[in-house]
């Protein structure tokens, strides 16, 4: 995606472009060099540099690793300021979104603002055909999901589950887990985490 395309007509960067800015801001606040963050997140320094400069969209797995390294939820990388504690309602079309990965990626739409002290995070996760977690994930907490549209292959503790529209799932996030959309249509999942590590 070219730099010009990442800006709206009024010159404001898209949520995708803000991921890199927020990542750089948090890295600098913690006094980390790119090399140090790359080591903590098990990512290449060049990849993190491209993300910070807005020339690459991170995958879900990369965002997760970086967020853990920065001791923040993934949502903190693309949501705005947490100053407005009066924001009770998030209107359709106004919720923070981010496109993760290239091609076979995700679109995450935040249902709950990312704020300090929140005990819950929630998203609508649109997973493109062939997209998924890109490997095994483990983190603190528990997860709940409800399949709104499409199908999803979920693996928890090496056991595979095929989920269809109307199915739900729940598990402790410390259990090794991964997911893939192996079908030809987008899978749309309502996904909740507590605490908001994602």
N, C-alpha and C. Protein backbone atom coordinates (compact mmCIF):
# COMPACT_ATOMS: atom_id res chain seq x y z
N UNK A 1 0.84 -1.18 0.00
CA UNK A 1 0.00 0.00 0.00
C UNK A 1 0.89 1.24 0.00
N UNK A 2 0.71 2.17 -0.92
CA UNK A 2 1.55 3.35 -1.03
C UNK A 2 1.15 4.38 0.00
N UNK A 3 2.13 5.25 0.34
CA UNK A 3 1.90 6.23 1.40
C UNK A 3 0.70 7.11 1.10
N UNK A 4 0.58 7.53 -0.16
CA UNK A 4 -0.53 8.42 -0.52
C UNK A 4 -1.87 7.73 -0.32
N UNK A 5 -1.90 6.43 -0.58
CA UNK A 5 -3.16 5.70 -0.45
C UNK A 5 -3.55 5.49 1.00
N UNK A 6 -2.58 5.63 1.93
CA UNK A 6 -2.89 5.43 3.33
C UNK A 6 -3.48 6.66 3.98
N UNK A 7 -3.60 7.73 3.22
CA UNK A 7 -4.16 8.95 3.78
C UNK A 7 -5.53 9.21 3.18
N UNK A 8 -6.41 9.71 4.01
CA UNK A 8 -7.72 10.12 3.52
C UNK A 8 -7.56 11.44 2.80
N UNK A 9 -8.63 11.85 2.15
CA UNK A 9 -8.57 13.09 1.38
C UNK A 9 -8.21 14.29 2.26
N UNK A 10 -8.63 14.27 3.54
CA UNK A 10 -8.33 15.40 4.41
C UNK A 10 -6.95 15.32 5.05
N UNK A 11 -6.13 14.32 4.66
CA UNK A 11 -4.77 14.23 5.16
C UNK A 11 -4.61 13.43 6.43
N UNK A 12 -5.70 12.88 6.97
CA UNK A 12 -5.61 12.10 8.19
C UNK A 12 -5.27 10.66 7.84
N UNK A 13 -4.34 10.07 8.58
CA UNK A 13 -3.97 8.69 8.29
C UNK A 13 -5.11 7.75 8.64
N UNK A 14 -5.20 6.65 7.91
CA UNK A 14 -6.19 5.63 8.19
C UNK A 14 -5.80 4.90 9.47
N UNK A 15 -6.73 4.10 10.07
CA UNK A 15 -6.38 3.30 11.24
C UNK A 15 -5.18 2.41 10.98
N UNK A 16 -5.07 1.85 9.75
CA UNK A 16 -3.93 0.99 9.43
C UNK A 16 -2.62 1.76 9.55
N UNK A 17 -2.61 3.01 9.06
CA UNK A 17 -1.42 3.83 9.14
C UNK A 17 -1.07 4.23 10.57
N UNK A 18 -2.11 4.33 11.42
CA UNK A 18 -1.87 4.71 12.81
C UNK A 18 -1.21 3.60 13.62
N UNK A 19 -1.33 2.34 13.19
CA UNK A 19 -0.72 1.23 13.92
C UNK A 19 0.77 1.48 14.10
N UNK A 20 1.45 1.85 13.01
CA UNK A 20 2.88 2.08 13.07
C UNK A 20 3.23 3.25 13.96
N UNK A 21 2.45 4.33 13.87
CA UNK A 21 2.70 5.50 14.71
C UNK A 21 2.52 5.17 16.19
N UNK A 22 1.46 4.43 16.50
CA UNK A 22 1.20 4.06 17.89
C UNK A 22 2.29 3.13 18.41
N UNK A 23 2.72 2.19 17.57
CA UNK A 23 3.77 1.26 17.96
C UNK A 23 5.06 2.03 18.27
N UNK A 24 5.42 2.95 17.40
CA UNK A 24 6.64 3.74 17.61
C UNK A 24 6.54 4.58 18.87
N UNK A 25 5.38 5.19 19.08
CA UNK A 25 5.16 6.02 20.26
C UNK A 25 5.34 5.19 21.53
N UNK A 26 4.72 4.01 21.60
CA UNK A 26 4.82 3.16 22.78
C UNK A 26 6.24 2.64 22.97
N UNK A 27 6.92 2.33 21.87
CA UNK A 27 8.31 1.85 21.95
C UNK A 27 9.20 2.93 22.55
N UNK A 28 9.03 4.16 22.07
CA UNK A 28 9.85 5.27 22.58
C UNK A 28 9.52 5.59 24.04
N UNK A 29 8.24 5.52 24.40
CA UNK A 29 7.85 5.74 25.80
C UNK A 29 8.53 4.74 26.73
N UNK A 30 8.72 3.53 26.26
CA UNK A 30 9.35 2.49 27.07
C UNK A 30 10.87 2.48 26.94
N UNK A 31 11.40 3.42 26.14
CA UNK A 31 12.83 3.55 26.00
C UNK A 31 13.49 2.40 25.25
N UNK A 32 12.76 1.80 24.31
CA UNK A 32 13.28 0.66 23.56
C UNK A 32 13.75 1.08 22.18
N UNK A 33 14.85 0.50 21.73
CA UNK A 33 15.27 0.68 20.34
C UNK A 33 14.48 -0.31 19.49
N UNK A 34 14.51 -0.11 18.17
CA UNK A 34 13.86 -1.07 17.27
C UNK A 34 14.45 -2.47 17.47
N UNK A 35 15.76 -2.54 17.62
CA UNK A 35 16.44 -3.82 17.79
C UNK A 35 15.98 -4.51 19.08
N UNK A 36 15.82 -3.75 20.16
CA UNK A 36 15.38 -4.32 21.43
C UNK A 36 13.94 -4.83 21.34
N UNK A 37 13.07 -4.03 20.70
CA UNK A 37 11.68 -4.46 20.55
C UNK A 37 11.60 -5.69 19.66
N UNK A 38 12.40 -5.72 18.59
CA UNK A 38 12.42 -6.89 17.70
C UNK A 38 12.81 -8.15 18.47
N UNK A 39 13.79 -8.02 19.38
CA UNK A 39 14.20 -9.17 20.18
C UNK A 39 13.10 -9.62 21.12
N UNK A 40 12.42 -8.68 21.77
CA UNK A 40 11.34 -9.02 22.70
C UNK A 40 10.14 -9.63 21.98
N UNK A 41 9.87 -9.14 20.76
CA UNK A 41 8.69 -9.59 20.02
C UNK A 41 8.99 -10.75 19.07
N UNK A 42 10.26 -11.17 19.01
CA UNK A 42 10.66 -12.27 18.10
C UNK A 42 10.27 -11.96 16.66
N UNK A 43 10.56 -10.72 16.24
CA UNK A 43 10.29 -10.26 14.87
C UNK A 43 11.59 -9.67 14.33
N UNK A 44 11.65 -9.48 13.02
CA UNK A 44 12.83 -8.85 12.44
C UNK A 44 12.76 -7.34 12.64
N UNK A 45 13.92 -6.74 12.82
CA UNK A 45 14.01 -5.28 12.99
C UNK A 45 13.51 -4.57 11.74
N UNK A 46 13.83 -5.11 10.56
CA UNK A 46 13.41 -4.47 9.31
C UNK A 46 11.88 -4.49 9.17
N UNK A 47 11.24 -5.59 9.60
CA UNK A 47 9.78 -5.66 9.54
C UNK A 47 9.16 -4.60 10.44
N UNK A 48 9.67 -4.47 11.68
CA UNK A 48 9.13 -3.46 12.60
C UNK A 48 9.36 -2.05 12.05
N UNK A 49 10.49 -1.83 11.42
CA UNK A 49 10.77 -0.52 10.83
C UNK A 49 9.76 -0.20 9.73
N UNK A 50 9.45 -1.18 8.88
CA UNK A 50 8.46 -0.97 7.81
C UNK A 50 7.07 -0.69 8.39
N UNK A 51 6.72 -1.38 9.49
CA UNK A 51 5.41 -1.14 10.13
C UNK A 51 5.37 0.27 10.69
N UNK A 52 6.42 0.67 11.39
CA UNK A 52 6.46 2.02 11.97
C UNK A 52 6.39 3.10 10.90
N UNK A 53 7.00 2.85 9.75
CA UNK A 53 7.00 3.83 8.66
C UNK A 53 5.74 3.78 7.81
N UNK A 54 4.84 2.84 8.13
CA UNK A 54 3.58 2.75 7.41
C UNK A 54 3.67 2.07 6.07
N UNK A 55 4.79 1.36 5.80
CA UNK A 55 4.93 0.69 4.49
C UNK A 55 4.58 -0.79 4.56
N UNK A 56 4.13 -1.29 5.72
CA UNK A 56 3.71 -2.68 5.84
C UNK A 56 2.59 -2.80 6.87
N UNK A 57 1.62 -3.65 6.58
CA UNK A 57 0.57 -3.97 7.55
C UNK A 57 1.00 -5.20 8.33
N UNK A 58 1.06 -5.13 9.66
CA UNK A 58 1.45 -6.31 10.42
C UNK A 58 0.37 -7.37 10.40
N UNK A 59 0.78 -8.62 10.49
CA UNK A 59 -0.18 -9.72 10.62
C UNK A 59 -0.73 -9.72 12.04
N UNK A 60 -1.79 -10.49 12.26
CA UNK A 60 -2.35 -10.63 13.60
C UNK A 60 -1.28 -11.15 14.56
N UNK A 61 -0.53 -12.16 14.12
CA UNK A 61 0.48 -12.75 15.00
C UNK A 61 1.57 -11.73 15.35
N UNK A 62 2.00 -10.93 14.38
CA UNK A 62 3.00 -9.91 14.65
C UNK A 62 2.47 -8.86 15.61
N UNK A 63 1.22 -8.39 15.38
CA UNK A 63 0.63 -7.41 16.28
C UNK A 63 0.55 -7.97 17.69
N UNK A 64 0.20 -9.25 17.80
CA UNK A 64 0.09 -9.88 19.11
C UNK A 64 1.44 -9.92 19.81
N UNK A 65 2.49 -10.30 19.09
CA UNK A 65 3.84 -10.36 19.67
C UNK A 65 4.32 -8.98 20.11
N UNK A 66 4.09 -7.97 19.26
CA UNK A 66 4.52 -6.62 19.59
C UNK A 66 3.76 -6.09 20.80
N UNK A 67 2.44 -6.32 20.83
CA UNK A 67 1.63 -5.86 21.95
C UNK A 67 2.09 -6.50 23.26
N UNK A 68 2.37 -7.80 23.24
CA UNK A 68 2.87 -8.46 24.45
C UNK A 68 4.21 -7.87 24.88
N UNK A 69 5.08 -7.60 23.91
CA UNK A 69 6.39 -7.03 24.22
C UNK A 69 6.27 -5.63 24.82
N UNK A 70 5.24 -4.88 24.39
CA UNK A 70 5.01 -3.52 24.89
C UNK A 70 4.09 -3.50 26.10
N UNK A 71 3.65 -4.70 26.54
CA UNK A 71 2.78 -4.84 27.71
C UNK A 71 1.48 -4.05 27.54
N UNK A 72 0.82 -4.29 26.41
CA UNK A 72 -0.43 -3.63 26.11
C UNK A 72 -1.31 -4.57 25.29
N UNK A 73 -2.63 -4.35 25.26
CA UNK A 73 -3.47 -5.17 24.39
C UNK A 73 -3.27 -4.80 22.92
N UNK A 74 -3.56 -5.74 22.03
CA UNK A 74 -3.46 -5.49 20.60
C UNK A 74 -4.29 -4.27 20.21
N UNK A 75 -5.47 -4.14 20.81
CA UNK A 75 -6.34 -3.01 20.46
C UNK A 75 -5.67 -1.67 20.70
N UNK A 76 -4.73 -1.61 21.64
CA UNK A 76 -4.02 -0.37 21.91
C UNK A 76 -3.17 0.09 20.75
N UNK A 77 -2.88 -0.81 19.80
CA UNK A 77 -2.06 -0.44 18.64
C UNK A 77 -2.86 0.27 17.55
N UNK A 78 -4.19 0.16 17.59
CA UNK A 78 -4.93 0.83 16.52
C UNK A 78 -6.09 1.68 16.99
N UNK A 79 -6.43 1.62 18.26
CA UNK A 79 -7.49 2.49 18.74
C UNK A 79 -6.91 3.84 19.14
N UNK A 80 -7.79 4.82 19.22
CA UNK A 80 -7.35 6.17 19.55
C UNK A 80 -7.13 6.37 21.03
N UNK A 81 -7.24 7.60 21.46
CA UNK A 81 -7.01 7.98 22.85
C UNK A 81 -8.05 7.37 23.77
N UNK A 82 -7.65 7.09 25.02
CA UNK A 82 -8.61 6.57 26.00
C UNK A 82 -9.10 7.68 26.92
N UNK A 83 -9.00 8.93 26.46
CA UNK A 83 -9.39 10.06 27.30
C UNK A 83 -10.90 10.16 27.50
N UNK A 84 -11.68 9.72 26.53
CA UNK A 84 -13.13 9.91 26.58
C UNK A 84 -13.80 8.74 27.29
N UNK A 85 -13.91 8.83 28.60
CA UNK A 85 -14.53 7.76 29.37
C UNK A 85 -16.05 7.81 29.30
N UNK A 86 -16.61 8.83 28.66
CA UNK A 86 -18.06 8.96 28.56
C UNK A 86 -18.60 8.26 27.32
N UNK A 87 -17.72 7.71 26.51
CA UNK A 87 -18.14 7.09 25.25
C UNK A 87 -18.79 5.74 25.52
N UNK A 88 -20.10 5.72 25.74
CA UNK A 88 -20.84 4.51 26.07
C UNK A 88 -21.23 3.75 24.81
N UNK A 89 -21.56 4.48 23.74
CA UNK A 89 -22.04 3.87 22.50
C UNK A 89 -21.02 4.09 21.39
N UNK A 90 -20.71 3.03 20.64
CA UNK A 90 -19.89 3.14 19.44
C UNK A 90 -20.79 2.84 18.25
N UNK A 91 -21.02 3.83 17.42
CA UNK A 91 -21.96 3.70 16.30
C UNK A 91 -21.37 2.90 15.16
N UNK A 92 -22.25 2.20 14.45
CA UNK A 92 -21.83 1.48 13.26
C UNK A 92 -21.19 2.45 12.28
N UNK A 93 -20.05 2.05 11.73
CA UNK A 93 -19.32 2.89 10.80
C UNK A 93 -18.37 3.87 11.48
N UNK A 94 -18.43 4.00 12.80
CA UNK A 94 -17.55 4.90 13.53
C UNK A 94 -16.58 4.17 14.44
N UNK A 95 -16.68 2.84 14.51
CA UNK A 95 -15.79 2.08 15.39
C UNK A 95 -14.39 1.97 14.78
N UNK A 96 -13.35 1.95 15.63
CA UNK A 96 -11.98 1.79 15.11
C UNK A 96 -11.81 0.46 14.40
N UNK A 97 -11.18 0.47 13.23
CA UNK A 97 -10.91 -0.76 12.48
C UNK A 97 -9.46 -0.75 12.01
N UNK A 98 -8.96 -1.93 11.75
CA UNK A 98 -7.62 -2.06 11.20
C UNK A 98 -7.58 -3.28 10.30
N UNK A 99 -6.86 -3.16 9.20
CA UNK A 99 -6.62 -4.30 8.30
C UNK A 99 -5.28 -4.89 8.70
N UNK A 100 -5.27 -6.16 9.05
CA UNK A 100 -4.02 -6.81 9.48
C UNK A 100 -3.56 -7.77 8.40
N UNK A 101 -2.26 -7.75 8.16
CA UNK A 101 -1.69 -8.67 7.18
C UNK A 101 -1.91 -8.21 5.76
N UNK A 102 -1.30 -8.94 4.84
CA UNK A 102 -1.39 -8.65 3.41
C UNK A 102 -2.16 -9.78 2.73
N UNK A 103 -3.10 -9.47 1.88
CA UNK A 103 -3.82 -10.51 1.14
C UNK A 103 -4.75 -11.31 2.03
N UNK A 104 -4.30 -12.47 2.45
CA UNK A 104 -5.12 -13.37 3.27
C UNK A 104 -5.10 -12.91 4.72
N UNK A 105 -5.67 -11.76 4.98
CA UNK A 105 -5.56 -11.16 6.30
C UNK A 105 -6.87 -11.10 7.06
N UNK A 106 -6.95 -10.11 7.91
CA UNK A 106 -8.10 -9.89 8.78
C UNK A 106 -8.50 -8.43 8.70
N UNK A 107 -9.76 -8.19 9.02
CA UNK A 107 -10.19 -6.84 9.36
C UNK A 107 -10.75 -6.94 10.77
N UNK A 108 -10.15 -6.18 11.69
CA UNK A 108 -10.62 -6.14 13.07
C UNK A 108 -11.41 -4.86 13.30
N UNK A 109 -12.60 -5.00 13.83
CA UNK A 109 -13.44 -3.84 14.17
C UNK A 109 -13.68 -3.87 15.67
N UNK A 110 -13.16 -2.88 16.38
CA UNK A 110 -13.25 -2.86 17.84
C UNK A 110 -14.68 -2.55 18.29
N UNK A 111 -15.20 -3.38 19.18
CA UNK A 111 -16.53 -3.16 19.75
C UNK A 111 -16.45 -2.48 21.11
N UNK A 112 -15.29 -2.58 21.74
CA UNK A 112 -15.08 -2.01 23.08
C UNK A 112 -13.83 -1.13 23.02
N UNK A 113 -13.92 0.13 23.46
CA UNK A 113 -12.74 0.99 23.42
C UNK A 113 -11.60 0.43 24.27
N UNK A 114 -10.37 0.67 23.84
CA UNK A 114 -9.20 0.24 24.60
C UNK A 114 -8.89 1.32 25.64
N UNK A 115 -9.12 0.99 26.90
CA UNK A 115 -8.85 1.94 27.99
C UNK A 115 -8.16 1.23 29.13
N UNK A 116 -7.34 1.95 29.88
CA UNK A 116 -6.73 1.38 31.07
C UNK A 116 -7.82 0.97 32.03
N UNK A 117 -7.68 -0.20 32.63
CA UNK A 117 -8.64 -0.66 33.62
C UNK A 117 -9.77 -1.50 33.05
N UNK A 118 -9.94 -1.51 31.70
CA UNK A 118 -10.98 -2.36 31.11
C UNK A 118 -10.68 -3.83 31.40
N UNK A 119 -11.71 -4.61 31.65
CA UNK A 119 -11.57 -6.04 31.91
C UNK A 119 -11.94 -6.88 30.70
N UNK A 120 -12.40 -6.23 29.63
CA UNK A 120 -12.93 -6.95 28.48
C UNK A 120 -12.53 -6.24 27.19
N UNK A 121 -12.23 -7.04 26.16
CA UNK A 121 -12.06 -6.48 24.81
C UNK A 121 -12.92 -7.30 23.86
N UNK A 122 -13.40 -6.66 22.81
CA UNK A 122 -14.27 -7.35 21.87
C UNK A 122 -14.13 -6.80 20.47
N UNK A 123 -14.25 -7.70 19.50
CA UNK A 123 -14.07 -7.35 18.09
C UNK A 123 -15.08 -8.08 17.22
N UNK A 124 -15.29 -7.53 16.04
CA UNK A 124 -15.79 -8.30 14.92
C UNK A 124 -14.54 -8.60 14.09
N UNK A 125 -14.25 -9.87 13.91
CA UNK A 125 -13.02 -10.29 13.22
C UNK A 125 -13.43 -10.90 11.88
N UNK A 126 -13.17 -10.19 10.78
CA UNK A 126 -13.43 -10.70 9.43
C UNK A 126 -12.15 -11.36 8.93
N UNK A 127 -12.19 -12.68 8.74
CA UNK A 127 -11.01 -13.45 8.35
C UNK A 127 -11.17 -13.88 6.90
N UNK A 128 -10.25 -13.40 6.05
CA UNK A 128 -10.31 -13.71 4.62
C UNK A 128 -10.05 -15.19 4.37
N UNK A 129 -10.53 -15.73 3.24
CA UNK A 129 -10.20 -17.13 2.89
C UNK A 129 -8.69 -17.33 2.89
N UNK A 130 -8.25 -18.38 3.56
CA UNK A 130 -6.83 -18.68 3.68
C UNK A 130 -6.15 -17.95 4.83
N UNK A 131 -6.85 -17.01 5.47
CA UNK A 131 -6.28 -16.26 6.58
C UNK A 131 -6.43 -17.00 7.89
N UNK A 132 -5.74 -16.52 8.89
CA UNK A 132 -5.82 -17.13 10.21
C UNK A 132 -4.79 -16.55 11.15
N UNK A 133 -4.53 -17.27 12.21
CA UNK A 133 -3.63 -16.78 13.25
C UNK A 133 -2.16 -16.91 12.87
N UNK A 134 -1.85 -17.61 11.80
CA UNK A 134 -0.47 -17.81 11.32
C UNK A 134 0.38 -18.48 12.39
N UNK A 135 -0.19 -19.49 13.01
CA UNK A 135 0.56 -20.24 14.02
C UNK A 135 -0.16 -20.23 15.35
N UNK A 136 0.51 -20.82 16.33
CA UNK A 136 -0.08 -21.01 17.65
C UNK A 136 0.07 -19.73 18.48
N UNK A 137 -0.98 -19.41 19.23
CA UNK A 137 -1.01 -18.24 20.12
C UNK A 137 -1.30 -18.74 21.54
N UNK A 138 -0.66 -18.11 22.52
CA UNK A 138 -0.96 -18.34 23.93
C UNK A 138 -0.81 -17.02 24.66
N UNK A 139 -1.75 -16.72 25.56
CA UNK A 139 -1.65 -15.50 26.37
C UNK A 139 -2.58 -15.63 27.56
N UNK A 140 -2.49 -14.69 28.45
CA UNK A 140 -3.29 -14.72 29.66
C UNK A 140 -4.78 -14.52 29.36
N UNK A 141 -5.66 -15.16 30.15
CA UNK A 141 -7.08 -14.84 30.10
C UNK A 141 -7.97 -15.93 29.55
N UNK A 142 -9.13 -15.51 29.06
CA UNK A 142 -10.06 -16.44 28.42
C UNK A 142 -10.73 -15.76 27.25
N UNK A 143 -11.26 -16.60 26.34
CA UNK A 143 -11.82 -16.11 25.09
C UNK A 143 -13.20 -16.72 24.85
N UNK A 144 -14.02 -15.92 24.21
CA UNK A 144 -15.34 -16.38 23.76
C UNK A 144 -15.52 -15.92 22.33
N UNK A 145 -16.10 -16.77 21.51
CA UNK A 145 -16.39 -16.38 20.14
C UNK A 145 -17.72 -16.91 19.66
N UNK A 146 -18.31 -16.21 18.72
CA UNK A 146 -19.58 -16.60 18.10
C UNK A 146 -19.44 -16.37 16.61
N UNK A 147 -19.67 -17.41 15.82
CA UNK A 147 -19.52 -17.31 14.37
C UNK A 147 -20.78 -16.68 13.78
N UNK A 148 -20.63 -15.48 13.25
CA UNK A 148 -21.74 -14.76 12.64
C UNK A 148 -22.00 -15.22 11.21
N UNK A 149 -20.90 -15.41 10.44
CA UNK A 149 -21.00 -15.83 9.04
C UNK A 149 -19.79 -16.69 8.70
N UNK A 150 -19.97 -17.59 7.74
CA UNK A 150 -18.86 -18.40 7.25
C UNK A 150 -18.50 -19.55 8.18
N UNK A 151 -17.27 -20.05 8.01
CA UNK A 151 -16.79 -21.18 8.80
C UNK A 151 -15.36 -20.91 9.25
N UNK A 152 -14.97 -21.56 10.35
CA UNK A 152 -13.64 -21.37 10.92
C UNK A 152 -13.14 -22.69 11.48
N UNK A 153 -11.87 -23.00 11.23
CA UNK A 153 -11.22 -24.15 11.85
C UNK A 153 -10.45 -23.63 13.06
N UNK A 154 -10.86 -24.07 14.24
CA UNK A 154 -10.24 -23.66 15.50
C UNK A 154 -9.50 -24.86 16.09
N UNK A 155 -8.25 -24.65 16.50
CA UNK A 155 -7.47 -25.71 17.14
C UNK A 155 -7.12 -25.25 18.55
N UNK A 156 -7.50 -26.04 19.55
CA UNK A 156 -7.18 -25.76 20.95
C UNK A 156 -6.57 -27.03 21.54
N UNK A 157 -5.36 -26.90 22.09
CA UNK A 157 -4.64 -28.07 22.63
C UNK A 157 -4.54 -29.20 21.60
N UNK A 158 -4.23 -28.83 20.37
CA UNK A 158 -4.04 -29.77 19.25
C UNK A 158 -5.32 -30.47 18.80
N UNK A 159 -6.47 -30.10 19.35
CA UNK A 159 -7.74 -30.67 18.91
C UNK A 159 -8.44 -29.67 17.98
N UNK A 160 -8.83 -30.16 16.79
CA UNK A 160 -9.41 -29.29 15.77
C UNK A 160 -10.94 -29.31 15.82
N UNK A 161 -11.54 -28.12 15.70
CA UNK A 161 -12.99 -27.97 15.69
C UNK A 161 -13.37 -27.19 14.43
N UNK A 162 -14.36 -27.67 13.70
CA UNK A 162 -14.91 -26.94 12.55
C UNK A 162 -16.14 -26.18 13.04
N UNK A 163 -16.09 -24.86 12.98
CA UNK A 163 -17.18 -24.02 13.46
C UNK A 163 -17.93 -23.42 12.28
N UNK A 164 -19.25 -23.39 12.41
CA UNK A 164 -20.12 -22.82 11.37
C UNK A 164 -20.96 -21.70 11.97
N UNK A 165 -21.63 -20.95 11.12
CA UNK A 165 -22.48 -19.85 11.58
C UNK A 165 -23.44 -20.34 12.66
N UNK A 166 -23.48 -19.63 13.76
CA UNK A 166 -24.33 -20.00 14.89
C UNK A 166 -23.59 -20.76 15.98
N UNK A 167 -22.39 -21.28 15.69
CA UNK A 167 -21.59 -21.98 16.70
C UNK A 167 -20.84 -20.97 17.56
N UNK A 168 -20.57 -21.37 18.81
CA UNK A 168 -19.79 -20.52 19.71
C UNK A 168 -18.66 -21.35 20.32
N UNK A 169 -17.69 -20.67 20.90
CA UNK A 169 -16.57 -21.36 21.55
C UNK A 169 -16.11 -20.56 22.76
N UNK A 170 -15.45 -21.25 23.70
CA UNK A 170 -14.92 -20.62 24.89
C UNK A 170 -13.76 -21.46 25.40
N UNK A 171 -12.64 -20.81 25.76
CA UNK A 171 -11.50 -21.55 26.32
C UNK A 171 -10.57 -20.58 27.03
N UNK A 172 -9.73 -21.13 27.91
CA UNK A 172 -8.68 -20.35 28.55
C UNK A 172 -7.61 -20.03 27.53
N UNK A 173 -7.17 -18.77 27.48
CA UNK A 173 -6.24 -18.32 26.45
C UNK A 173 -4.82 -18.86 26.65
N UNK A 174 -4.52 -19.37 27.86
CA UNK A 174 -3.21 -19.97 28.09
C UNK A 174 -3.05 -21.29 27.35
N UNK A 175 -4.16 -21.89 26.93
CA UNK A 175 -4.10 -23.13 26.15
C UNK A 175 -3.64 -22.79 24.73
N UNK A 176 -2.67 -23.52 24.19
CA UNK A 176 -2.21 -23.22 22.82
C UNK A 176 -3.37 -23.29 21.83
N UNK A 177 -3.53 -22.25 21.02
CA UNK A 177 -4.65 -22.23 20.09
C UNK A 177 -4.26 -21.53 18.78
N UNK A 178 -4.99 -21.88 17.75
CA UNK A 178 -4.80 -21.28 16.43
C UNK A 178 -6.11 -21.37 15.67
N UNK A 179 -6.21 -20.65 14.56
CA UNK A 179 -7.43 -20.70 13.76
C UNK A 179 -7.12 -20.37 12.31
N UNK A 180 -7.94 -20.91 11.42
CA UNK A 180 -7.77 -20.72 9.98
C UNK A 180 -9.14 -20.71 9.31
N UNK A 181 -9.28 -19.85 8.31
CA UNK A 181 -10.46 -19.90 7.44
C UNK A 181 -10.05 -20.67 6.19
N UNK A 182 -10.43 -21.94 6.12
CA UNK A 182 -10.04 -22.79 4.99
C UNK A 182 -11.12 -22.84 3.91
N UNK A 183 -12.14 -22.01 4.04
CA UNK A 183 -13.23 -21.98 3.06
C UNK A 183 -13.02 -20.85 2.05
N UNK A 184 -13.99 -20.68 1.14
CA UNK A 184 -13.87 -19.69 0.07
C UNK A 184 -14.59 -18.38 0.37
N UNK A 185 -15.22 -18.29 1.54
CA UNK A 185 -15.92 -17.07 1.94
C UNK A 185 -15.31 -16.51 3.21
N UNK A 186 -15.48 -15.21 3.40
CA UNK A 186 -14.99 -14.56 4.62
C UNK A 186 -15.71 -15.14 5.82
N UNK A 187 -14.96 -15.42 6.88
CA UNK A 187 -15.54 -15.84 8.16
C UNK A 187 -15.65 -14.60 9.04
N UNK A 188 -16.83 -14.37 9.59
CA UNK A 188 -17.08 -13.19 10.42
C UNK A 188 -17.37 -13.67 11.84
N UNK A 189 -16.49 -13.28 12.78
CA UNK A 189 -16.55 -13.81 14.13
C UNK A 189 -16.69 -12.66 15.14
N UNK A 190 -17.63 -12.79 16.07
CA UNK A 190 -17.68 -11.93 17.24
C UNK A 190 -16.73 -12.55 18.26
N UNK A 191 -15.68 -11.81 18.66
CA UNK A 191 -14.61 -12.40 19.48
C UNK A 191 -14.38 -11.52 20.71
N UNK A 192 -14.49 -12.12 21.91
CA UNK A 192 -14.29 -11.40 23.17
C UNK A 192 -13.12 -12.00 23.94
N UNK A 193 -12.33 -11.14 24.58
CA UNK A 193 -11.20 -11.56 25.43
C UNK A 193 -11.29 -10.85 26.77
N UNK A 194 -10.91 -11.56 27.82
CA UNK A 194 -10.72 -10.94 29.12
C UNK A 194 -9.55 -11.59 29.84
N UNK A 195 -8.63 -10.84 30.43
CA UNK A 195 -8.51 -9.37 30.32
C UNK A 195 -8.14 -9.00 28.89
N UNK A 196 -8.17 -7.71 28.56
CA UNK A 196 -7.97 -7.30 27.17
C UNK A 196 -6.52 -7.40 26.72
N UNK A 197 -6.04 -8.64 26.61
CA UNK A 197 -4.68 -8.85 26.11
C UNK A 197 -4.64 -8.79 24.59
N UNK A 198 -5.81 -8.92 23.96
CA UNK A 198 -5.86 -8.87 22.51
C UNK A 198 -6.52 -7.60 22.03
